[in-house]
Protein backbone atom coordinates (compact mmCIF):
# COMPACT_ATOMS: atom_id res chain seq x y z
CA MET A 1 -25.45 34.91 -7.96
CA ALA A 2 -22.51 37.03 -9.28
CA ILE A 3 -19.10 36.88 -8.05
CA ALA A 4 -18.33 39.56 -5.21
CA THR A 5 -15.50 41.98 -5.94
CA PHE A 6 -12.79 42.75 -3.42
CA ASN A 7 -9.30 44.29 -3.40
CA ILE A 8 -6.22 43.24 -1.62
CA ALA A 9 -6.80 45.69 1.48
CA GLU A 10 -10.16 44.25 2.27
CA PHE A 11 -8.72 40.83 1.89
CA GLN A 12 -5.97 41.46 4.32
CA GLN A 13 -8.59 43.14 6.79
CA VAL A 14 -10.48 39.87 6.82
CA LEU A 15 -7.20 38.02 7.49
CA ASN A 16 -6.25 40.18 10.34
CA ALA A 17 -9.76 39.95 11.95
CA HIS A 18 -9.03 36.22 12.23
CA ALA A 19 -5.40 36.30 13.46
CA HIS A 20 -2.50 38.72 13.32
CA GLY A 21 0.86 37.93 12.13
CA TRP A 22 0.16 37.23 8.45
CA THR A 23 3.04 37.46 6.01
CA HIS A 24 2.47 38.73 2.51
CA LEU A 25 4.51 36.29 0.19
CA GLY A 26 3.76 38.47 -2.89
CA ILE A 27 2.40 37.10 -6.13
CA ILE A 28 2.76 33.39 -6.59
CA GLN A 29 1.47 31.79 -9.69
CA ASN A 30 -0.44 34.94 -10.63
CA GLU A 31 -2.24 35.46 -7.30
CA HIS A 32 -1.32 37.21 -4.02
CA CYS A 33 -0.52 34.62 -1.22
CA PHE A 34 -0.55 34.95 2.57
CA TYR A 35 1.09 32.71 5.19
CA LEU A 36 0.41 32.53 8.85
CA PRO A 37 3.21 30.54 10.81
CA GLN A 38 1.89 28.44 13.78
CA GLY A 39 4.98 26.51 15.02
CA HIS A 40 6.82 23.25 14.23
CA GLY A 41 7.61 24.66 10.84
CA LEU A 42 3.83 24.69 9.83
CA GLY A 43 1.35 27.40 9.16
CA LEU A 44 -1.62 28.30 7.30
CA LEU A 45 -1.26 29.27 3.50
CA VAL A 46 -3.95 31.33 1.77
CA ARG A 47 -4.21 31.94 -2.00
CA SER A 48 -6.39 34.92 -2.51
CA SER A 49 -7.23 34.63 -6.19
CA ILE A 50 -6.31 38.45 -6.49
CA GLY A 51 -4.08 39.01 -9.30
CA GLU A 52 -1.53 41.81 -10.31
CA SER A 53 -4.49 44.24 -10.89
CA GLY A 54 -5.15 44.25 -7.12
CA VAL A 55 -8.69 42.97 -7.57
CA ASN A 56 -9.95 39.33 -7.53
CA ASP A 57 -10.29 37.41 -10.77
CA GLY A 58 -13.63 36.89 -12.54
CA ALA A 59 -15.95 33.96 -12.55
CA GLY A 60 -14.77 30.76 -13.87
CA LEU A 61 -11.19 31.17 -12.36
CA ASP A 62 -9.73 29.88 -9.09
CA SER A 63 -11.49 30.28 -5.94
CA ILE A 64 -9.93 31.43 -2.66
CA ARG A 65 -7.94 28.27 -1.28
CA ALA A 66 -6.58 27.76 2.16
CA TYR A 67 -4.61 24.84 3.59
CA ILE A 68 -2.00 23.62 6.12
CA ALA A 69 1.47 23.88 4.54
CA THR A 70 5.18 24.15 5.43
CA SER A 71 7.06 27.47 5.51
CA ASP A 72 7.99 26.77 1.76
CA GLY A 73 4.48 26.22 0.55
CA GLN A 74 4.28 22.37 0.51
CA PHE A 75 1.17 20.58 1.50
CA TRP A 76 1.50 18.79 4.93
CA GLY A 77 -0.24 15.54 5.25
CA GLY A 78 -3.63 14.88 3.34
CA LYS A 79 -4.23 17.56 0.82
CA THR A 80 -6.45 19.51 3.27
CA VAL A 81 -7.42 22.25 0.86
CA ARG A 82 -10.52 24.34 1.48
CA TRP A 83 -12.15 26.38 -1.30
CA ILE A 84 -13.93 29.37 -0.40
CA ASP A 85 -16.94 30.60 -2.62
CA ARG A 86 -16.42 34.33 -3.60
CA ARG A 87 -19.99 35.25 -3.67
CA ASN A 88 -21.46 37.67 -1.11
CA GLY A 89 -20.62 36.60 2.30
CA TRP A 90 -17.11 35.37 1.38
CA GLU A 91 -15.70 37.22 4.47
CA ARG A 92 -17.60 35.01 6.79
CA ARG A 93 -16.85 31.73 5.00
CA LEU A 94 -13.14 32.67 4.86
CA GLY A 95 -13.16 33.27 8.58
CA ASP A 96 -14.83 30.03 9.35
CA THR A 97 -12.47 28.08 7.14
CA LEU A 98 -9.51 29.47 8.85
CA SER A 99 -10.86 28.60 12.27
CA LYS A 100 -11.32 24.95 11.37
CA LEU A 101 -7.94 24.70 9.81
CA THR A 102 -6.48 26.40 12.82
CA GLU A 103 -8.03 23.88 15.20
CA GLN A 104 -6.65 21.06 13.14
CA LEU A 105 -3.30 22.66 12.95
CA GLN A 106 -3.11 22.89 16.72
CA TYR A 107 -2.86 19.06 16.67
CA CYS A 108 0.14 18.98 14.46
CA ARG A 109 2.41 18.36 17.29
CA PRO A 110 5.39 15.98 17.86
CA CYS A 111 4.40 12.37 18.17
CA PRO A 112 4.74 11.29 21.80
CA HIS A 113 6.44 7.99 20.55
CA CYS A 114 9.10 9.26 18.13
CA SER A 115 8.85 13.19 18.30
CA GLU A 116 8.21 13.65 14.51
CA VAL A 117 5.42 16.08 13.82
CA VAL A 118 2.21 14.31 12.92
CA LYS A 119 0.20 15.10 9.65
CA PRO A 120 -3.45 15.96 9.41
CA PHE A 121 -6.06 14.01 7.26
CA THR A 122 -9.66 13.54 6.55
CA SER A 123 -11.43 10.34 7.14
CA LYS A 124 -12.81 8.70 4.04
CA LYS A 125 -14.40 5.76 5.71
CA GLU A 126 -18.25 5.61 5.76
CA GLN A 127 -18.78 5.54 9.35
CA SER A 128 -16.54 8.53 10.12
CA LYS A 129 -16.47 10.26 6.64
CA GLY A 130 -15.31 13.86 6.71
CA LYS A 131 -13.97 13.55 10.34
CA GLN A 132 -10.62 15.20 10.77
CA PHE A 133 -7.68 13.50 12.46
CA VAL A 134 -3.83 13.50 12.72
CA LYS A 135 -1.36 10.65 12.56
CA CYS A 136 2.32 9.74 12.64
CA CYS A 137 3.68 8.94 9.30
CA ASN A 138 7.05 7.72 10.45
CA ASP A 139 7.47 3.97 9.47
CA ALA A 140 10.15 3.58 12.33
CA CYS A 141 7.79 4.98 14.97
CA PRO A 142 7.70 2.76 18.12
CA SER A 143 3.97 2.80 18.09
CA GLN A 144 4.10 0.42 15.07
CA ARG A 145 6.10 -1.87 17.29
CA LEU A 146 4.20 -1.47 20.57
CA HIS A 147 0.59 -1.42 19.18
CA GLY A 148 0.86 -2.55 15.78
CA ARG A 149 -0.40 0.74 14.19
CA ALA A 150 0.52 4.33 13.62
CA PHE A 151 -0.11 6.87 16.38
CA PHE A 152 -3.20 8.82 15.66
CA VAL A 153 -5.82 11.14 17.36
CA TRP A 154 -9.16 12.43 16.32
CA VAL A 155 -9.41 16.36 16.22
CA GLY A 156 -11.19 17.29 19.33
CA SER A 157 -10.05 14.52 21.50
CA PRO A 158 -6.98 14.84 24.00
CA PHE A 159 -3.71 14.71 22.32
CA GLN A 160 -2.39 11.37 23.81
CA CYS A 161 -1.94 7.63 22.74
CA ALA A 162 -5.31 6.02 23.56
CA LEU A 163 -3.71 2.55 23.64
CA CYS A 164 -1.06 3.51 26.00
CA ALA A 165 -3.65 5.39 28.29
CA GLU A 166 -5.77 2.34 28.22
CA GLN A 167 -2.73 0.17 29.20
CA ARG A 168 -1.97 2.55 32.12
CA THR A 169 -5.67 2.44 33.37
CA THR A 170 -6.26 -1.40 33.02
CA THR A 171 -3.04 -2.85 34.56
CA THR A 172 -1.00 -1.93 37.54
CA GLU A 173 1.13 -5.03 37.78
CA PRO A 174 4.86 -4.51 36.88
CA ALA A 175 5.89 -5.51 33.38
CA PRO A 176 7.42 -8.96 33.33
CA ALA A 177 10.80 -9.68 31.54
CA CYS A 178 10.83 -11.41 28.13
CA PRO A 179 11.35 -15.15 28.49
CA VAL A 180 13.52 -14.97 25.07
CA CYS A 181 15.75 -11.84 25.40
CA ASN A 182 14.94 -10.61 29.00
CA ALA A 183 13.93 -7.14 27.78
CA PRO A 184 10.90 -5.49 29.47
CA MET A 185 7.40 -6.39 28.08
CA VAL A 186 4.37 -4.34 27.05
CA ARG A 187 0.74 -5.28 27.37
CA MET A 188 -0.91 -6.48 24.11
CA ALA A 189 -3.48 -4.36 22.35
CA ARG A 190 -6.37 -6.87 22.94
CA GLY A 191 -5.37 -7.17 26.74
CA THR A 192 -4.80 -10.86 26.51
CA GLY A 193 -1.26 -10.92 27.69
CA TRP A 194 2.13 -9.47 27.30
CA LYS A 195 4.55 -9.21 24.35
CA CYS A 196 8.13 -8.18 24.11
CA SER A 197 8.99 -4.52 23.50
CA LYS A 198 11.58 -5.68 20.86
CA SER A 199 9.18 -7.85 18.86
CA GLY A 200 9.92 -5.94 15.70
CA ARG A 201 7.71 -5.73 12.77
CA TRP A 202 6.27 -8.07 9.85
CA ASP A 203 8.30 -7.34 6.76
CA GLY A 204 6.16 -9.69 4.50
CA LYS A 205 8.15 -12.78 5.05
CA ALA A 206 8.84 -13.08 8.95
CA TRP A 207 8.95 -11.15 12.09
CA SER A 208 12.07 -9.16 12.79
CA GLY A 209 13.52 -9.03 16.29
CA CYS A 210 12.25 -11.03 19.44
CA GLY A 211 8.96 -12.69 19.46
CA GLY A 212 8.61 -13.38 23.07
CA THR A 213 4.88 -13.55 24.47
CA ILE A 214 3.37 -14.36 27.84
CA PHE A 215 -0.48 -14.98 27.73
CA ASP A 216 -2.79 -14.35 30.81
CA LYS A 217 -4.01 -17.58 32.45
CA ASP A 218 -7.56 -16.69 31.75
CA ASN A 219 -7.15 -15.73 28.19
CA LYS A 220 -4.80 -18.83 27.30
CA LYS A 221 -6.53 -20.83 24.66
CA GLU A 222 -7.13 -24.37 25.57
CA LYS A 223 -6.26 -27.04 23.06
CA LYS A 224 -9.37 -28.67 21.84
CA PRO A 225 -9.81 -32.41 22.06
CA GLU A 226 -9.19 -34.21 18.98
CA ARG A 227 -12.23 -35.65 17.19
CA PRO A 228 -12.33 -39.41 16.49
CA THR A 229 -11.71 -40.03 12.76
CA MET A 230 -14.72 -41.54 10.85
CA GLN A 231 -14.29 -44.31 8.29
CA PRO A 232 -15.99 -43.40 4.98
CA SER A 233 -19.38 -44.97 4.55
CA LEU A 234 -19.72 -47.50 1.56
CA LEU A 235 -22.36 -46.12 -0.78
CA PRO A 236 -23.97 -48.69 -2.97
CA ARG A 237 -25.05 -47.55 -6.37
CA ASP A 238 -28.33 -49.46 -6.42
CA PRO A 239 -31.01 -47.32 -4.65
CA GLY A 240 -32.63 -50.45 -3.13
CA THR A 241 -29.54 -51.66 -1.53
CA PRO A 242 -29.05 -50.72 2.18
CA VAL A 243 -26.10 -48.47 3.15
CA ALA A 244 -23.17 -50.10 4.87
CA THR A 245 -22.78 -47.95 7.99
CA LEU A 246 -19.49 -47.55 10.11
CA THR A 247 -18.96 -46.34 13.68
CA PRO A 248 -15.80 -44.62 15.03
CA PRO A 249 -13.14 -47.29 15.10
CA LEU A 250 -12.47 -46.63 18.97
CA GLU A 251 -16.05 -47.85 19.66
CA GLY A 252 -15.81 -50.96 17.24
CA PHE A 253 -17.84 -51.09 14.05
CA THR A 254 -20.69 -53.14 12.46
CA VAL A 255 -21.13 -53.64 8.74
CA ASN A 256 -24.16 -54.42 6.81
CA ARG A 257 -22.87 -57.50 5.03
CA GLN A 258 -25.39 -57.74 2.28
CA GLY A 259 -24.89 -54.14 1.22
CA LEU A 260 -21.11 -54.53 1.11
CA LEU A 261 -21.23 -57.91 -0.89
CA SER A 262 -23.65 -56.20 -3.28
CA GLU A 263 -21.29 -53.18 -3.88
CA LEU A 264 -18.35 -55.62 -4.44
CA ARG A 265 -20.27 -57.51 -7.03
CA ARG A 266 -21.04 -54.22 -8.81
CA ILE A 267 -17.47 -53.34 -8.82
CA ILE A 268 -16.56 -56.77 -10.11
CA ALA A 269 -19.02 -56.51 -12.90
CA HIS A 270 -17.78 -53.29 -13.86
CA LEU A 271 -14.15 -54.36 -13.96
CA GLU A 272 -15.02 -57.41 -16.26
CA ASP A 273 -16.81 -55.23 -18.68
CA SER A 274 -13.53 -53.36 -19.15
CA CYS A 275 -11.16 -54.12 -21.97
CA SER A 276 -8.22 -53.60 -19.65
CA GLU A 277 -6.19 -56.86 -18.80
CA ASP A 278 -5.53 -55.34 -15.40
CA ASP A 279 -9.14 -54.66 -14.68
CA ASN A 280 -9.92 -58.23 -15.67
CA ASN A 281 -7.23 -59.53 -13.39
CA THR A 282 -8.49 -57.38 -10.49
CA ALA A 283 -11.99 -58.71 -11.03
CA THR A 284 -10.79 -62.45 -11.02
CA GLU A 285 -8.88 -61.62 -7.79
CA LEU A 286 -11.93 -60.22 -6.10
CA ARG A 287 -14.15 -63.15 -7.05
CA ARG A 288 -11.47 -65.61 -5.58
CA LEU A 289 -11.63 -63.50 -2.33
CA LEU A 290 -15.36 -63.79 -2.17
CA ARG A 291 -15.42 -67.67 -2.15
């Protein structure tokens, strides 16, 4: 199917049908560009593929592109670029794309932990491939310290910290003081106890800050009883010789005397066949002990 032909007036009409307030940025890199600010220094940037002639470029050249960007045209978060096919029906496809980007842009708000504006991304994991989400990219965000991971929200879910909400609903008891530094404590992500709010982060070598923890009594791991050590069995080389068995030393032990003597004689014979003087001396000493 051939590429549809449209001019700049028709393109602006489709943009205004989606939302008012578009700013014509002029020609950037040989095509007309438009920007719709949405707050927090972000907005929608659309590259129209319409050049200086006022009509869109032909087949084989750039498509219509739309993405979330800053006011100076820089990508925000993952490169959430959406290409719009310019064949017949491009108006509907452009409107649908702008609606999806607008929904994702509405989630680009200040992080509830550090107030830095979160960034949009698209999941690449197999179980959630293509699903949209936003997350905080501030390495110093308190969420890293409180929950051990960055704050993130799936697009379409309430804009709140799920781990903080879970802690508020699962516990009503007051937070205890840290036994190390006396700072207030927070619930662990697994719900197995409390950890210091100043526990810091792992820098690859050690934890920075306080490492105070208090485990719940029901979740505290009990020390397993030590298993009795077993003496190694003497395994004779001759298939017909019985095996000398040993029981744990705490219960006493019994030895198959004939099997032990047979094994010692085999070792002595091996040492006597050696050309080493030390081996011969060892064999002589063992024979003396067997008498």
